[in-house]
Amino acid sequence: MRNDLRVNINDIGGQIAKEDERYVVKDNTILKDVVLSSTRLNPNCATNGHKHEGQEEVYIFQSGSGIMELDGVEHTFADGDIFLIEDNVFHKVTAGPDGAYFICVFNGARYDHVAVLGYN
């Protein structure tokens, strides 16, 4: 097995895809069809809301708490929560006072994901 195929949930490897005052987003694009992405979202900050036609995602919350908005419905999250997001569902993450760290797994290339996510 290649050494870069094993990662840790707290450091997924890869490269920084976006960094600003709200968050640091890293992408591990070693696999051919799946991207492993992590987001360290600062306290009381939010991602841009977005949706993807034809792309499903899995969000795995490792630490922190806050709100996951799915098609206008707000759901609280805490450590260990996982959200399965169907394609074409609007989603947005807002961190609470301690911030949040989560992993996102999605199929497809990041350049499409960035354009839709608003990580620009």
N, C-alpha and C. Protein backbone atom coordinates (compact mmCIF):
# COMPACT_ATOMS: atom_id res chain seq x y z
N MET A 1 0.85 -1.18 0.00
CA MET A 1 0.00 0.00 0.00
C MET A 1 0.89 1.24 0.00
N ARG A 2 0.53 2.21 -0.80
CA ARG A 2 1.25 3.49 -0.82
C ARG A 2 1.11 4.18 0.53
N ASN A 3 2.15 4.87 0.98
CA ASN A 3 2.12 5.56 2.26
C ASN A 3 1.12 6.70 2.31
N ASP A 4 0.79 7.32 1.18
CA ASP A 4 -0.12 8.46 1.18
C ASP A 4 -1.60 8.06 1.13
N LEU A 5 -1.88 6.77 1.17
CA LEU A 5 -3.27 6.32 1.16
C LEU A 5 -3.86 6.18 2.56
N ARG A 6 -3.02 6.36 3.57
CA ARG A 6 -3.49 6.35 4.96
C ARG A 6 -3.32 7.75 5.51
N VAL A 7 -4.42 8.34 5.98
CA VAL A 7 -4.38 9.68 6.54
C VAL A 7 -5.05 9.67 7.91
N ASN A 8 -4.96 10.77 8.61
CA ASN A 8 -5.58 10.91 9.92
C ASN A 8 -6.73 11.89 9.80
N ILE A 9 -7.79 11.67 10.55
CA ILE A 9 -8.96 12.55 10.46
C ILE A 9 -8.62 14.00 10.81
N ASN A 10 -7.58 14.20 11.61
CA ASN A 10 -7.19 15.56 11.99
C ASN A 10 -6.21 16.20 11.01
N ASP A 11 -5.67 15.41 10.09
CA ASP A 11 -4.80 15.92 9.03
C ASP A 11 -4.94 15.00 7.83
N ILE A 12 -5.78 15.38 6.89
CA ILE A 12 -6.11 14.53 5.75
C ILE A 12 -5.05 14.58 4.65
N GLY A 13 -3.98 15.36 4.88
CA GLY A 13 -2.97 15.52 3.83
C GLY A 13 -3.50 16.45 2.76
N GLY A 14 -2.91 16.39 1.59
CA GLY A 14 -3.36 17.22 0.49
C GLY A 14 -2.85 18.65 0.58
N GLN A 15 -3.56 19.53 -0.08
CA GLN A 15 -3.18 20.92 -0.24
C GLN A 15 -4.28 21.86 0.25
N ILE A 16 -3.89 23.04 0.66
CA ILE A 16 -4.88 24.06 1.02
C ILE A 16 -5.58 24.52 -0.26
N ALA A 17 -6.89 24.38 -0.30
CA ALA A 17 -7.68 24.81 -1.44
C ALA A 17 -8.18 26.24 -1.26
N LYS A 18 -8.38 26.64 0.00
CA LYS A 18 -8.87 27.99 0.29
C LYS A 18 -8.55 28.31 1.74
N GLU A 19 -8.17 29.56 1.97
CA GLU A 19 -7.93 30.03 3.32
C GLU A 19 -8.30 31.49 3.39
N ASP A 20 -9.16 31.84 4.32
CA ASP A 20 -9.49 33.24 4.58
C ASP A 20 -9.85 33.39 6.05
N GLU A 21 -10.42 34.52 6.41
CA GLU A 21 -10.72 34.78 7.82
C GLU A 21 -11.78 33.83 8.40
N ARG A 22 -12.53 33.14 7.54
CA ARG A 22 -13.58 32.23 8.00
C ARG A 22 -13.09 30.82 8.22
N TYR A 23 -12.21 30.33 7.33
CA TYR A 23 -11.88 28.92 7.37
C TYR A 23 -10.58 28.61 6.63
N VAL A 24 -10.12 27.36 6.86
CA VAL A 24 -9.06 26.76 6.06
C VAL A 24 -9.65 25.48 5.48
N VAL A 25 -9.61 25.36 4.17
CA VAL A 25 -10.12 24.19 3.47
C VAL A 25 -8.95 23.46 2.83
N LYS A 26 -8.80 22.16 3.12
CA LYS A 26 -7.76 21.33 2.52
C LYS A 26 -8.41 20.23 1.70
N ASP A 27 -7.79 19.92 0.58
CA ASP A 27 -8.28 18.84 -0.29
C ASP A 27 -7.20 17.79 -0.48
N ASN A 28 -7.59 16.53 -0.31
CA ASN A 28 -6.74 15.40 -0.65
C ASN A 28 -7.35 14.79 -1.92
N THR A 29 -6.63 14.90 -3.02
CA THR A 29 -7.15 14.46 -4.33
C THR A 29 -6.38 13.26 -4.88
N ILE A 30 -5.86 12.44 -3.98
CA ILE A 30 -5.08 11.28 -4.41
C ILE A 30 -5.94 10.29 -5.19
N LEU A 31 -7.19 10.11 -4.77
CA LEU A 31 -8.06 9.15 -5.45
C LEU A 31 -8.54 9.71 -6.78
N LYS A 32 -8.87 8.82 -7.68
CA LYS A 32 -9.25 9.20 -9.04
C LYS A 32 -10.62 9.88 -9.11
N ASP A 33 -11.60 9.38 -8.36
CA ASP A 33 -12.98 9.86 -8.51
C ASP A 33 -13.58 10.48 -7.26
N VAL A 34 -12.83 10.49 -6.15
CA VAL A 34 -13.37 10.98 -4.87
C VAL A 34 -12.39 11.98 -4.27
N VAL A 35 -12.93 13.07 -3.72
CA VAL A 35 -12.11 14.06 -3.02
C VAL A 35 -12.42 13.97 -1.54
N LEU A 36 -11.37 13.98 -0.73
CA LEU A 36 -11.48 14.05 0.72
C LEU A 36 -11.08 15.47 1.10
N SER A 37 -12.00 16.19 1.71
CA SER A 37 -11.77 17.59 2.03
C SER A 37 -12.00 17.82 3.52
N SER A 38 -11.22 18.74 4.10
CA SER A 38 -11.45 19.11 5.50
C SER A 38 -11.63 20.62 5.57
N THR A 39 -12.45 21.04 6.51
CA THR A 39 -12.67 22.47 6.75
C THR A 39 -12.54 22.74 8.23
N ARG A 40 -11.66 23.68 8.56
CA ARG A 40 -11.55 24.18 9.93
C ARG A 40 -12.22 25.55 9.91
N LEU A 41 -13.45 25.59 10.45
CA LEU A 41 -14.30 26.77 10.40
C LEU A 41 -14.16 27.53 11.72
N ASN A 42 -13.79 28.79 11.63
CA ASN A 42 -13.57 29.60 12.82
C ASN A 42 -14.86 29.88 13.58
N PRO A 43 -14.76 30.19 14.88
CA PRO A 43 -15.95 30.44 15.70
C PRO A 43 -16.90 31.47 15.07
N ASN A 44 -18.18 31.12 15.09
CA ASN A 44 -19.26 31.99 14.63
C ASN A 44 -19.13 32.40 13.17
N CYS A 45 -18.45 31.60 12.37
CA CYS A 45 -18.31 31.85 10.94
C CYS A 45 -19.12 30.81 10.17
N ALA A 46 -19.35 31.09 8.89
CA ALA A 46 -20.16 30.20 8.06
C ALA A 46 -19.55 30.01 6.69
N THR A 47 -19.84 28.85 6.10
CA THR A 47 -19.51 28.63 4.70
C THR A 47 -20.56 29.35 3.87
N ASN A 48 -20.28 29.53 2.59
CA ASN A 48 -21.30 30.05 1.69
C ASN A 48 -22.29 28.93 1.42
N GLY A 49 -23.55 29.22 1.41
CA GLY A 49 -24.54 28.21 1.06
C GLY A 49 -24.43 27.86 -0.41
N HIS A 50 -24.72 26.62 -0.74
CA HIS A 50 -24.61 26.15 -2.11
C HIS A 50 -25.35 24.83 -2.28
N LYS A 51 -25.49 24.41 -3.53
CA LYS A 51 -26.01 23.09 -3.84
C LYS A 51 -25.35 22.61 -5.13
N HIS A 52 -25.40 21.31 -5.36
CA HIS A 52 -24.76 20.70 -6.52
C HIS A 52 -25.77 19.82 -7.23
N GLU A 53 -25.92 20.02 -8.50
CA GLU A 53 -26.74 19.10 -9.28
C GLU A 53 -25.87 17.91 -9.67
N GLY A 54 -26.32 16.73 -9.31
CA GLY A 54 -25.60 15.51 -9.67
C GLY A 54 -24.43 15.17 -8.77
N GLN A 55 -24.28 15.83 -7.63
CA GLN A 55 -23.17 15.52 -6.73
C GLN A 55 -23.68 15.36 -5.31
N GLU A 56 -23.46 14.18 -4.74
CA GLU A 56 -23.80 13.92 -3.35
C GLU A 56 -22.55 14.14 -2.49
N GLU A 57 -22.78 14.40 -1.20
CA GLU A 57 -21.67 14.64 -0.29
C GLU A 57 -21.96 14.01 1.07
N VAL A 58 -20.89 13.73 1.80
CA VAL A 58 -21.00 13.27 3.17
C VAL A 58 -20.19 14.24 4.03
N TYR A 59 -20.83 14.84 5.03
CA TYR A 59 -20.16 15.74 5.98
C TYR A 59 -20.03 15.00 7.30
N ILE A 60 -18.80 14.92 7.82
CA ILE A 60 -18.50 14.23 9.07
C ILE A 60 -17.93 15.27 10.03
N PHE A 61 -18.66 15.58 11.09
CA PHE A 61 -18.24 16.60 12.05
C PHE A 61 -17.38 15.97 13.13
N GLN A 62 -16.12 16.36 13.15
CA GLN A 62 -15.14 15.80 14.08
C GLN A 62 -15.14 16.57 15.40
N SER A 63 -15.27 17.89 15.33
CA SER A 63 -15.26 18.68 16.56
C SER A 63 -16.05 19.96 16.37
N GLY A 64 -16.44 20.54 17.50
CA GLY A 64 -17.22 21.77 17.48
C GLY A 64 -18.70 21.50 17.44
N SER A 65 -19.44 22.58 17.26
CA SER A 65 -20.89 22.49 17.17
C SER A 65 -21.38 23.66 16.33
N GLY A 66 -22.65 23.60 15.95
CA GLY A 66 -23.21 24.67 15.15
C GLY A 66 -24.47 24.23 14.45
N ILE A 67 -24.71 24.83 13.30
CA ILE A 67 -25.93 24.60 12.52
C ILE A 67 -25.55 24.13 11.12
N MET A 68 -26.19 23.04 10.68
CA MET A 68 -26.13 22.60 9.29
C MET A 68 -27.49 22.90 8.68
N GLU A 69 -27.51 23.79 7.72
CA GLU A 69 -28.76 24.13 7.03
C GLU A 69 -28.89 23.26 5.79
N LEU A 70 -30.03 22.58 5.66
CA LEU A 70 -30.32 21.74 4.51
C LEU A 70 -31.66 22.15 3.93
N ASP A 71 -31.63 22.72 2.74
CA ASP A 71 -32.85 23.20 2.06
C ASP A 71 -33.71 24.06 2.99
N GLY A 72 -33.07 24.98 3.71
CA GLY A 72 -33.78 25.93 4.55
C GLY A 72 -34.14 25.44 5.94
N VAL A 73 -33.86 24.17 6.24
CA VAL A 73 -34.15 23.62 7.56
C VAL A 73 -32.84 23.54 8.34
N GLU A 74 -32.82 24.12 9.54
CA GLU A 74 -31.62 24.13 10.36
C GLU A 74 -31.57 22.92 11.28
N HIS A 75 -30.42 22.26 11.28
CA HIS A 75 -30.16 21.10 12.13
C HIS A 75 -28.92 21.40 12.96
N THR A 76 -28.98 21.17 14.26
CA THR A 76 -27.79 21.35 15.07
C THR A 76 -26.85 20.17 14.85
N PHE A 77 -25.56 20.42 14.99
CA PHE A 77 -24.58 19.34 14.91
C PHE A 77 -23.61 19.46 16.09
N ALA A 78 -23.01 18.34 16.42
CA ALA A 78 -21.98 18.25 17.46
C ALA A 78 -20.97 17.21 17.03
N ASP A 79 -19.92 17.03 17.82
CA ASP A 79 -18.88 16.05 17.54
C ASP A 79 -19.48 14.70 17.16
N GLY A 80 -19.01 14.14 16.07
CA GLY A 80 -19.43 12.80 15.67
C GLY A 80 -20.63 12.74 14.76
N ASP A 81 -21.33 13.84 14.57
CA ASP A 81 -22.51 13.83 13.69
C ASP A 81 -22.09 13.73 12.22
N ILE A 82 -22.91 13.03 11.44
CA ILE A 82 -22.67 12.85 10.01
C ILE A 82 -23.95 13.21 9.27
N PHE A 83 -23.79 13.99 8.21
CA PHE A 83 -24.92 14.36 7.35
C PHE A 83 -24.68 13.80 5.96
N LEU A 84 -25.67 13.09 5.43
CA LEU A 84 -25.65 12.59 4.06
C LEU A 84 -26.45 13.58 3.22
N ILE A 85 -25.79 14.21 2.28
CA ILE A 85 -26.42 15.29 1.52
C ILE A 85 -26.68 14.82 0.10
N GLU A 86 -27.94 14.77 -0.26
CA GLU A 86 -28.33 14.35 -1.61
C GLU A 86 -28.01 15.46 -2.61
N ASP A 87 -27.94 15.08 -3.87
CA ASP A 87 -27.65 16.09 -4.88
C ASP A 87 -28.79 17.11 -4.95
N ASN A 88 -28.43 18.32 -5.31
CA ASN A 88 -29.35 19.44 -5.48
C ASN A 88 -29.99 19.90 -4.17
N VAL A 89 -29.41 19.56 -3.02
CA VAL A 89 -29.90 20.04 -1.72
C VAL A 89 -29.00 21.19 -1.27
N PHE A 90 -29.60 22.34 -1.02
CA PHE A 90 -28.85 23.50 -0.52
C PHE A 90 -28.31 23.16 0.86
N HIS A 91 -27.03 23.48 1.10
CA HIS A 91 -26.43 23.21 2.40
C HIS A 91 -25.43 24.32 2.76
N LYS A 92 -25.41 24.59 4.07
CA LYS A 92 -24.55 25.64 4.61
C LYS A 92 -24.22 25.27 6.05
N VAL A 93 -22.96 25.50 6.44
CA VAL A 93 -22.51 25.19 7.80
C VAL A 93 -22.17 26.49 8.52
N THR A 94 -22.72 26.67 9.72
CA THR A 94 -22.40 27.80 10.58
C THR A 94 -21.85 27.25 11.89
N ALA A 95 -20.64 27.66 12.23
CA ALA A 95 -20.01 27.18 13.45
C ALA A 95 -20.51 27.95 14.66
N GLY A 96 -20.51 27.28 15.80
CA GLY A 96 -20.85 27.90 17.07
C GLY A 96 -19.63 28.62 17.65
N PRO A 97 -19.69 28.96 18.93
CA PRO A 97 -18.63 29.76 19.56
C PRO A 97 -17.27 29.07 19.67
N ASP A 98 -17.23 27.75 19.50
CA ASP A 98 -15.96 27.02 19.56
C ASP A 98 -15.42 26.67 18.19
N GLY A 99 -16.09 27.12 17.13
CA GLY A 99 -15.69 26.75 15.78
C GLY A 99 -16.12 25.33 15.46
N ALA A 100 -15.64 24.81 14.34
CA ALA A 100 -15.98 23.45 13.92
C ALA A 100 -14.90 22.93 12.99
N TYR A 101 -14.72 21.62 13.04
CA TYR A 101 -13.82 20.94 12.11
C TYR A 101 -14.59 19.78 11.52
N PHE A 102 -14.65 19.73 10.19
CA PHE A 102 -15.40 18.65 9.55
C PHE A 102 -14.70 18.18 8.30
N ILE A 103 -15.03 16.95 7.95
CA ILE A 103 -14.54 16.28 6.76
C ILE A 103 -15.71 16.20 5.78
N CYS A 104 -15.42 16.43 4.53
CA CYS A 104 -16.41 16.29 3.47
C CYS A 104 -15.85 15.32 2.43
N VAL A 105 -16.66 14.37 2.01
CA VAL A 105 -16.28 13.43 0.98
C VAL A 105 -17.24 13.62 -0.19
N PHE A 106 -16.68 13.82 -1.38
CA PHE A 106 -17.54 14.02 -2.54
C PHE A 106 -16.87 13.46 -3.79
N ASN A 107 -17.69 13.12 -4.76
CA ASN A 107 -17.18 12.64 -6.03
C ASN A 107 -17.00 13.83 -6.97
N GLY A 108 -16.00 13.74 -7.82
CA GLY A 108 -15.79 14.80 -8.80
C GLY A 108 -14.57 15.63 -8.49
N ALA A 109 -14.32 16.59 -9.34
CA ALA A 109 -13.14 17.43 -9.24
C ALA A 109 -13.43 18.65 -8.38
N ARG A 110 -12.43 19.15 -7.68
CA ARG A 110 -12.57 20.32 -6.82
C ARG A 110 -12.91 21.57 -7.61
N TYR A 111 -12.42 21.72 -8.84
CA TYR A 111 -12.71 22.97 -9.54
C TYR A 111 -14.20 23.17 -9.72
N ASP A 112 -14.96 22.13 -9.94
CA ASP A 112 -16.42 22.26 -9.98
C ASP A 112 -16.96 22.59 -8.61
N HIS A 113 -16.44 21.93 -7.59
CA HIS A 113 -16.89 22.10 -6.22
C HIS A 113 -16.62 23.53 -5.74
N VAL A 114 -15.45 24.07 -6.05
CA VAL A 114 -15.10 25.42 -5.63
C VAL A 114 -16.06 26.43 -6.24
N ALA A 115 -16.35 26.28 -7.51
CA ALA A 115 -17.22 27.25 -8.16
C ALA A 115 -18.60 27.27 -7.54
N VAL A 116 -19.11 26.13 -7.20
CA VAL A 116 -20.45 26.05 -6.63
C VAL A 116 -20.45 26.44 -5.15
N LEU A 117 -19.40 26.05 -4.43
CA LEU A 117 -19.33 26.32 -2.98
C LEU A 117 -19.18 27.79 -2.67
N GLY A 118 -18.60 28.54 -3.57
CA GLY A 118 -18.28 29.91 -3.25
C GLY A 118 -16.97 30.03 -2.51
N TYR A 119 -16.13 28.99 -2.55
CA TYR A 119 -14.78 29.10 -1.97
C TYR A 119 -13.93 29.84 -2.99
N ASN A 120 -14.21 31.11 -3.17
CA ASN A 120 -13.45 31.86 -4.19
C ASN A 120 -12.79 33.06 -3.59
